[in-house]
């Protein structure tokens, strides 16, 4: 393989910033060398679509989950599978790691949140019934709480906050979004909780009261907001959207910063580099792109080559992705048209 052959759903930097890792609907996880602009080593193959991943803070392990209903743990250097945890009854949409790497949380279309002990090789600490679908998860900076984006009915898209030690709901459901909560993200000091939604907005919440902080951030006017990333200094939020852009926001005021970065197709994922100088992005064009942030240099052009693959003659997309579709009782499908490459 020269690269992904399916939509890219998640992207993350490895410590140091010289490498990024992606997961895709083609059933693979790939590590990219951003200095060389190429794939590093072999792909990590999970066969079925991989919807989310997480990287341990020491940069030694990658966790991936998706359609096969399992969490697989991979060694970053050897690309070999270390462990396999079979737990969820449905697809795994989201994975989060606690700040100390001791716990992992996962959720999916079975409506369950599983908090597991890493040291116990996937031993379940808590099994939480969060609703009908769990779409996003994030541990608080101190590791004591877990924010969860979920759907608790056909039209109820909410945020719930759980106590990690007891597994009990401590706040919520927080209502405000009118469609799927695609991403939840804590501020560095834990005083704010950001959320991105298919209703085309980003919102900021007080995680102690559940009250909205300010008005919704409505810069992505044409399509859903898929992903958020916080800058290393905590002052800026990057957002990715199906409107083909990455946008930047002041994390306190919610004001837009500089001009958006323009993709040719919808963007599923964005991540700040550890230095804050770059953002990595990926999405429906099946490419990984690295950009210098606008305020770092007075230029909007892409500064590192696009990491891509050799396209096939025809692309027919079957996308079972919680981030961009409306579920039915039997399946999740996003329609698309086969087009010549």
Protein backbone atom coordinates (compact mmCIF):
# COMPACT_ATOMS: atom_id res chain seq x y z
CA UNK A 1 0.00 0.00 0.00
CA UNK A 2 1.15 3.47 -0.84
CA UNK A 3 -1.53 5.01 1.44
CA UNK A 4 -5.16 4.92 2.47
CA UNK A 5 -7.82 3.71 0.08
CA UNK A 6 -10.75 4.93 2.13
CA UNK A 7 -11.94 8.01 3.96
CA UNK A 8 -9.71 9.06 6.86
CA UNK A 9 -11.66 9.42 10.10
CA UNK A 10 -9.08 10.45 12.70
CA UNK A 11 -5.59 11.93 12.86
CA UNK A 12 -3.19 12.41 15.77
CA UNK A 13 0.38 13.51 16.27
CA UNK A 14 2.87 11.22 17.94
CA UNK A 15 5.07 12.85 20.62
CA UNK A 16 7.83 14.94 19.10
CA UNK A 17 5.76 16.04 16.13
CA UNK A 18 7.74 14.25 13.42
CA UNK A 19 5.03 11.67 12.82
CA UNK A 20 1.25 11.53 12.57
CA UNK A 21 -1.04 8.53 12.68
CA UNK A 22 -4.34 8.07 10.84
CA UNK A 23 -7.16 5.54 10.71
CA UNK A 24 -9.44 4.90 7.78
CA UNK A 25 -12.47 3.20 6.35
CA UNK A 26 -10.07 0.96 4.44
CA UNK A 27 -9.44 -0.95 7.69
CA UNK A 28 -5.92 0.32 8.33
CA UNK A 29 -3.94 2.52 10.68
CA UNK A 30 -0.93 4.24 9.10
CA UNK A 31 1.98 6.18 10.59
CA UNK A 32 3.33 8.98 8.41
CA UNK A 33 6.78 10.58 8.53
CA UNK A 34 5.98 14.27 8.01
CA UNK A 35 9.64 15.14 7.44
CA UNK A 36 9.90 12.77 4.49
CA UNK A 37 6.30 13.08 3.40
CA UNK A 38 5.73 9.34 3.21
CA UNK A 39 4.30 6.35 5.01
CA UNK A 40 6.49 4.83 7.70
CA UNK A 41 6.73 1.05 7.57
CA UNK A 42 3.76 -1.23 7.04
CA UNK A 43 0.12 -0.48 7.63
CA UNK A 44 -1.56 -1.83 10.76
CA UNK A 45 -4.50 -3.83 9.43
CA UNK A 46 -7.79 -4.22 11.30
CA UNK A 47 -9.66 -5.48 8.20
CA UNK A 48 -12.89 -3.54 8.86
CA UNK A 49 -13.26 0.25 8.95
CA UNK A 50 -11.40 1.96 11.80
CA UNK A 51 -13.38 4.95 13.07
CA UNK A 52 -11.20 6.24 15.88
CA UNK A 53 -7.78 5.94 17.44
CA UNK A 54 -5.87 7.15 20.49
CA UNK A 55 -2.15 7.42 21.20
CA UNK A 56 -0.65 6.87 24.65
CA UNK A 57 1.20 9.85 26.12
CA UNK A 58 4.52 8.00 25.98
CA UNK A 59 4.00 7.47 22.24
CA UNK A 60 4.55 3.73 22.42
CA UNK A 61 1.06 2.41 21.71
CA UNK A 62 -1.86 3.14 19.42
CA UNK A 63 -5.41 2.02 20.13
CA UNK A 64 -7.87 1.60 17.26
CA UNK A 65 -11.53 0.64 17.08
CA UNK A 66 -14.28 0.42 14.52
CA UNK A 67 -16.55 -1.96 12.67
CA UNK A 68 -15.06 -5.17 14.04
CA UNK A 69 -16.32 -4.20 17.55
CA UNK A 70 -12.86 -4.65 19.05
CA UNK A 71 -10.16 -2.41 20.41
CA UNK A 72 -6.77 -3.37 19.10
CA UNK A 73 -3.51 -2.15 20.64
CA UNK A 74 -0.51 -1.64 18.35
CA UNK A 75 3.20 -1.11 18.99
CA UNK A 76 4.26 2.20 17.41
CA UNK A 77 7.76 1.11 16.46
CA UNK A 78 7.14 -2.46 15.23
CA UNK A 79 3.56 -1.90 13.95
CA UNK A 80 2.70 -5.26 15.50
CA UNK A 81 -0.56 -5.90 17.33
CA UNK A 82 0.01 -6.24 21.07
CA UNK A 83 -3.48 -6.88 22.38
CA UNK A 84 -7.07 -7.29 21.28
CA UNK A 85 -10.07 -6.52 23.44
CA UNK A 86 -13.49 -7.77 22.36
CA UNK A 87 -16.16 -5.90 24.23
CA UNK A 88 -18.79 -3.82 22.43
CA UNK A 89 -21.89 -5.34 20.91
CA UNK A 90 -21.83 -2.78 18.10
CA UNK A 91 -19.43 -0.64 16.10
CA UNK A 92 -16.93 1.41 18.11
CA UNK A 93 -17.22 5.09 17.17
CA UNK A 94 -14.93 6.73 19.70
CA UNK A 95 -11.93 6.02 21.94
CA UNK A 96 -10.34 8.19 24.64
CA UNK A 97 -7.36 7.74 26.95
CA UNK A 98 -7.03 9.14 30.48
CA UNK A 99 -4.19 11.64 31.05
CA UNK A 100 -2.13 9.05 32.93
CA UNK A 101 -2.69 6.33 30.28
CA UNK A 102 -4.20 4.04 32.91
CA UNK A 103 -7.74 4.01 31.56
CA UNK A 104 -9.36 3.89 28.16
CA UNK A 105 -12.97 4.72 27.37
CA UNK A 106 -14.85 3.61 24.29
CA UNK A 107 -18.36 4.03 22.94
CA UNK A 108 -20.45 3.18 19.94
CA UNK A 109 -23.81 2.32 18.47
CA UNK A 110 -24.65 -0.09 21.29
CA UNK A 111 -25.15 2.98 23.50
CA UNK A 112 -22.56 1.83 26.03
CA UNK A 113 -19.50 3.56 27.45
CA UNK A 114 -16.85 1.13 28.61
CA UNK A 115 -14.12 2.40 30.91
CA UNK A 116 -11.33 -0.16 30.97
CA UNK A 117 -8.10 -0.69 32.90
CA UNK A 118 -5.11 -0.58 30.57
CA UNK A 119 -2.98 -2.54 33.04
CA UNK A 120 -5.63 -5.26 33.16
CA UNK A 121 -5.52 -5.70 29.39
CA UNK A 122 -8.98 -4.35 28.83
CA UNK A 123 -10.57 -5.35 32.11
CA UNK A 124 -13.81 -3.39 32.47
CA UNK A 125 -13.90 -0.85 35.31
CA UNK A 126 -17.33 0.56 34.45
CA UNK A 127 -20.01 -0.26 31.91
CA UNK A 128 -22.26 2.77 31.48
CA UNK A 129 -25.57 2.88 29.65
CA UNK A 130 -25.31 6.31 28.00
CA UNK A 131 -28.23 6.21 25.57
CA UNK A 132 -28.84 4.84 22.11
CA UNK A 133 -25.58 6.04 20.48
CA UNK A 134 -22.25 7.26 21.87
CA UNK A 135 -20.51 9.53 19.38
CA UNK A 136 -17.61 11.20 21.24
CA UNK A 137 -15.61 10.91 24.47
CA UNK A 138 -12.94 12.93 26.28
CA UNK A 139 -11.35 12.68 29.73
CA UNK A 140 -10.97 15.85 31.78
CA UNK A 141 -7.40 17.16 32.25
CA UNK A 142 -7.22 15.76 35.79
CA UNK A 143 -8.68 12.43 34.69
CA UNK A 144 -11.55 12.59 37.18
CA UNK A 145 -14.40 13.11 34.71
CA UNK A 146 -15.42 11.79 31.32
CA UNK A 147 -17.41 13.91 28.86
CA UNK A 148 -19.64 11.97 26.50
CA UNK A 149 -21.50 13.07 23.39
CA UNK A 150 -24.52 10.85 22.93
CA UNK A 151 -27.95 10.49 21.43
CA UNK A 152 -30.64 9.44 23.88
CA UNK A 153 -33.43 9.38 21.34
CA UNK A 154 -34.17 10.19 17.74
CA UNK A 155 -33.97 13.94 18.32
CA UNK A 156 -32.08 14.26 21.62
CA UNK A 157 -28.38 14.91 21.07
CA UNK A 158 -26.72 15.68 24.38
CA UNK A 159 -23.54 15.87 26.42
CA UNK A 160 -23.23 13.89 29.64
CA UNK A 161 -20.42 14.03 32.21
CA UNK A 162 -19.53 10.98 34.31
CA UNK A 163 -17.39 10.53 37.40
CA UNK A 164 -14.55 8.22 36.37
CA UNK A 165 -14.05 6.61 39.78
CA UNK A 166 -17.70 5.74 40.41
CA UNK A 167 -19.03 5.61 36.85
CA UNK A 168 -22.00 7.74 37.94
CA UNK A 169 -23.56 10.55 35.91
CA UNK A 170 -22.65 13.84 37.61
CA UNK A 171 -23.95 16.34 35.07
CA UNK A 172 -26.42 16.22 32.23
CA UNK A 173 -27.90 15.59 29.92
CA UNK A 174 -26.67 18.97 28.64
CA UNK A 175 -28.96 20.03 25.83
CA UNK A 176 -28.41 22.63 23.15
CA UNK A 177 -27.14 20.93 20.02
CA UNK A 178 -29.77 20.07 17.44
CA UNK A 179 -27.87 17.20 15.80
CA UNK A 180 -25.09 14.69 16.47
CA UNK A 181 -22.37 15.75 18.90
CA UNK A 182 -19.32 14.85 16.81
CA UNK A 183 -16.59 15.87 19.25
CA UNK A 184 -16.16 16.90 22.90
CA UNK A 185 -12.97 18.57 24.12
CA UNK A 186 -11.87 19.99 27.50
CA UNK A 187 -9.87 23.17 27.97
CA UNK A 188 -6.46 22.77 29.59
CA UNK A 189 -7.63 23.95 33.00
CA UNK A 190 -10.90 22.04 32.85
CA UNK A 191 -13.02 25.20 33.15
CA UNK A 192 -14.51 24.87 29.65
CA UNK A 193 -15.92 22.05 27.60
CA UNK A 194 -16.08 22.49 23.82
CA UNK A 195 -18.36 20.53 21.53
CA UNK A 196 -18.77 20.25 17.77
CA UNK A 197 -21.93 19.11 16.09
CA UNK A 198 -23.68 18.15 12.90
CA UNK A 199 -25.88 21.21 13.51
CA UNK A 200 -22.94 23.20 12.04
CA UNK A 201 -21.98 24.86 15.33
CA UNK A 202 -19.30 24.71 17.99
CA UNK A 203 -20.40 25.41 21.55
CA UNK A 204 -18.63 26.13 24.81
CA UNK A 205 -20.03 24.92 28.14
CA UNK A 206 -19.39 25.34 31.84
CA UNK A 207 -18.64 21.73 32.90
CA UNK A 208 -19.70 22.46 36.48
CA UNK A 209 -23.16 23.78 35.71
CA UNK A 210 -23.87 22.66 32.14
CA UNK A 211 -24.66 26.24 31.18
CA UNK A 212 -23.70 27.56 27.76
CA UNK A 213 -20.79 30.02 27.75
CA UNK A 214 -21.61 32.66 25.16
CA UNK A 215 -23.35 32.08 21.87
CA UNK A 216 -22.65 29.13 19.51
CA UNK A 217 -19.65 29.58 17.21
CA UNK A 218 -21.27 29.58 13.80
CA UNK A 219 -18.44 30.06 11.30
CA UNK A 220 -19.00 26.72 9.56
CA UNK A 221 -22.23 27.82 7.92
CA UNK A 222 -22.47 25.30 5.12
CA UNK A 223 -21.97 21.93 6.76
CA UNK A 224 -21.35 19.81 9.85
CA UNK A 225 -18.39 20.29 12.18
CA UNK A 226 -16.54 17.01 12.55
CA UNK A 227 -13.48 17.50 14.75
CA UNK A 228 -11.81 19.86 17.26
CA UNK A 229 -8.24 20.24 18.47
CA UNK A 230 -6.81 22.49 21.19
CA UNK A 231 -3.51 24.29 20.64
CA UNK A 232 -0.67 23.29 23.03
CA UNK A 233 -0.90 26.63 24.84
CA UNK A 234 -4.66 26.25 25.21
CA UNK A 235 -5.49 29.61 23.60
CA UNK A 236 -6.87 28.42 20.26
CA UNK A 237 -9.24 25.78 18.94
CA UNK A 238 -9.02 24.31 15.44
CA UNK A 239 -12.15 22.89 13.85
CA UNK A 240 -12.67 20.70 10.79
CA UNK A 241 -15.84 20.59 8.73
CA UNK A 242 -17.63 19.14 5.76
CA UNK A 243 -17.56 22.66 4.32
CA UNK A 244 -14.00 21.78 3.19
CA UNK A 245 -12.28 24.06 5.70
CA UNK A 246 -10.25 24.16 8.87
CA UNK A 247 -11.05 27.17 11.02
CA UNK A 248 -9.38 28.66 14.08
CA UNK A 249 -11.01 30.21 17.15
CA UNK A 250 -10.00 32.03 20.31
CA UNK A 251 -10.71 29.48 23.04
CA UNK A 252 -11.97 32.11 25.49
CA UNK A 253 -13.97 34.50 23.35
CA UNK A 254 -14.97 32.17 20.52
CA UNK A 255 -13.88 34.79 18.01
CA UNK A 256 -12.53 33.51 14.66
CA UNK A 257 -8.79 33.83 14.08
CA UNK A 258 -7.27 34.53 10.65
CA UNK A 259 -8.62 32.94 7.48
CA UNK A 260 -9.69 29.29 7.15
CA UNK A 261 -7.49 26.69 5.50
CA UNK A 262 -9.21 25.47 2.34
CA UNK A 263 -9.41 21.81 1.31
CA UNK A 264 -10.83 20.47 -1.93
CA UNK A 265 -13.15 18.07 -0.12
CA UNK A 266 -14.77 17.53 3.27
CA UNK A 267 -12.47 17.36 6.30
CA UNK A 268 -13.00 14.71 8.97
CA UNK A 269 -10.10 15.33 11.34
CA UNK A 270 -7.66 17.99 12.54
CA UNK A 271 -4.84 17.97 15.09
CA UNK A 272 -2.36 20.55 16.34
CA UNK A 273 1.31 19.57 16.38
CA UNK A 274 3.01 19.43 19.81
CA UNK A 275 4.84 22.69 19.00
CA UNK A 276 1.66 24.46 17.87
CA UNK A 277 3.31 25.46 14.61
CA UNK A 278 1.40 23.05 12.40
CA UNK A 279 -1.96 21.38 12.06
CA UNK A 280 -2.50 18.02 10.38
CA UNK A 281 -5.77 17.36 8.60
CA UNK A 282 -7.47 14.58 6.67
CA UNK A 283 -10.83 13.53 5.32
CA UNK A 284 -12.76 12.38 2.29
CA UNK A 285 -9.95 13.00 -0.19
CA UNK A 286 -8.05 10.15 1.54
CA UNK A 287 -4.99 12.38 1.98
CA UNK A 288 -3.03 13.65 4.94
CA UNK A 289 -2.03 17.32 4.79
CA UNK A 290 0.27 19.33 7.04
CA UNK A 291 -0.20 23.11 7.26
CA UNK A 292 1.67 25.87 9.02
CA UNK A 293 -0.82 27.76 11.19
CA UNK A 294 -1.66 31.20 9.72
CA UNK A 295 -0.37 33.25 12.65
CA UNK A 296 3.00 31.46 12.62
CA UNK A 297 3.84 32.66 9.12
CA UNK A 298 2.16 35.16 6.83
CA UNK A 299 1.08 32.58 4.30
CA UNK A 300 -1.90 30.31 3.73
CA UNK A 301 -0.18 27.87 1.44
CA UNK A 302 0.40 24.27 2.35
CA UNK A 303 4.02 23.98 3.46
CA UNK A 304 4.60 20.24 3.52
CA UNK A 305 3.73 17.87 0.70
CA UNK A 306 0.43 16.05 0.75
CA UNK A 307 0.68 12.40 1.76
CA UNK A 308 -1.49 10.47 -0.65
CA UNK A 309 -2.02 7.22 -2.55
CA UNK A 310 -2.45 6.08 -6.14
CA UNK A 311 -6.21 6.39 -6.81
CA UNK A 312 -8.20 3.56 -8.30
CA UNK A 313 -10.11 3.99 -11.53
CA UNK A 314 -13.47 4.14 -9.79
CA UNK A 315 -14.34 5.08 -6.24
CA UNK A 316 -17.49 3.62 -4.75
CA UNK A 317 -18.03 4.69 -1.20
CA UNK A 318 -19.82 2.76 1.46
CA UNK A 319 -19.46 4.84 4.58
CA UNK A 320 -20.66 3.43 7.88
CA UNK A 321 -19.69 6.49 9.86
CA UNK A 322 -21.52 7.92 12.85
CA UNK A 323 -20.17 11.37 12.17
CA UNK A 324 -22.05 12.12 8.99
CA UNK A 325 -25.24 10.08 8.85
CA UNK A 326 -28.60 9.42 10.40
CA UNK A 327 -28.92 5.90 11.88
CA UNK A 328 -31.72 3.47 11.24
CA UNK A 329 -32.48 0.32 13.17
CA UNK A 330 -30.39 -1.97 11.00
CA UNK A 331 -27.58 -0.02 9.42
CA UNK A 332 -25.83 3.27 8.90
CA UNK A 333 -25.17 4.30 5.32
CA UNK A 334 -24.12 7.48 3.63
CA UNK A 335 -25.04 7.57 -0.02
CA UNK A 336 -22.46 8.58 -2.56
CA UNK A 337 -21.87 8.25 -6.28
CA UNK A 338 -19.16 6.27 -7.98
CA UNK A 339 -16.98 8.73 -9.82
CA UNK A 340 -13.95 8.35 -12.06
CA UNK A 341 -10.72 9.20 -10.27
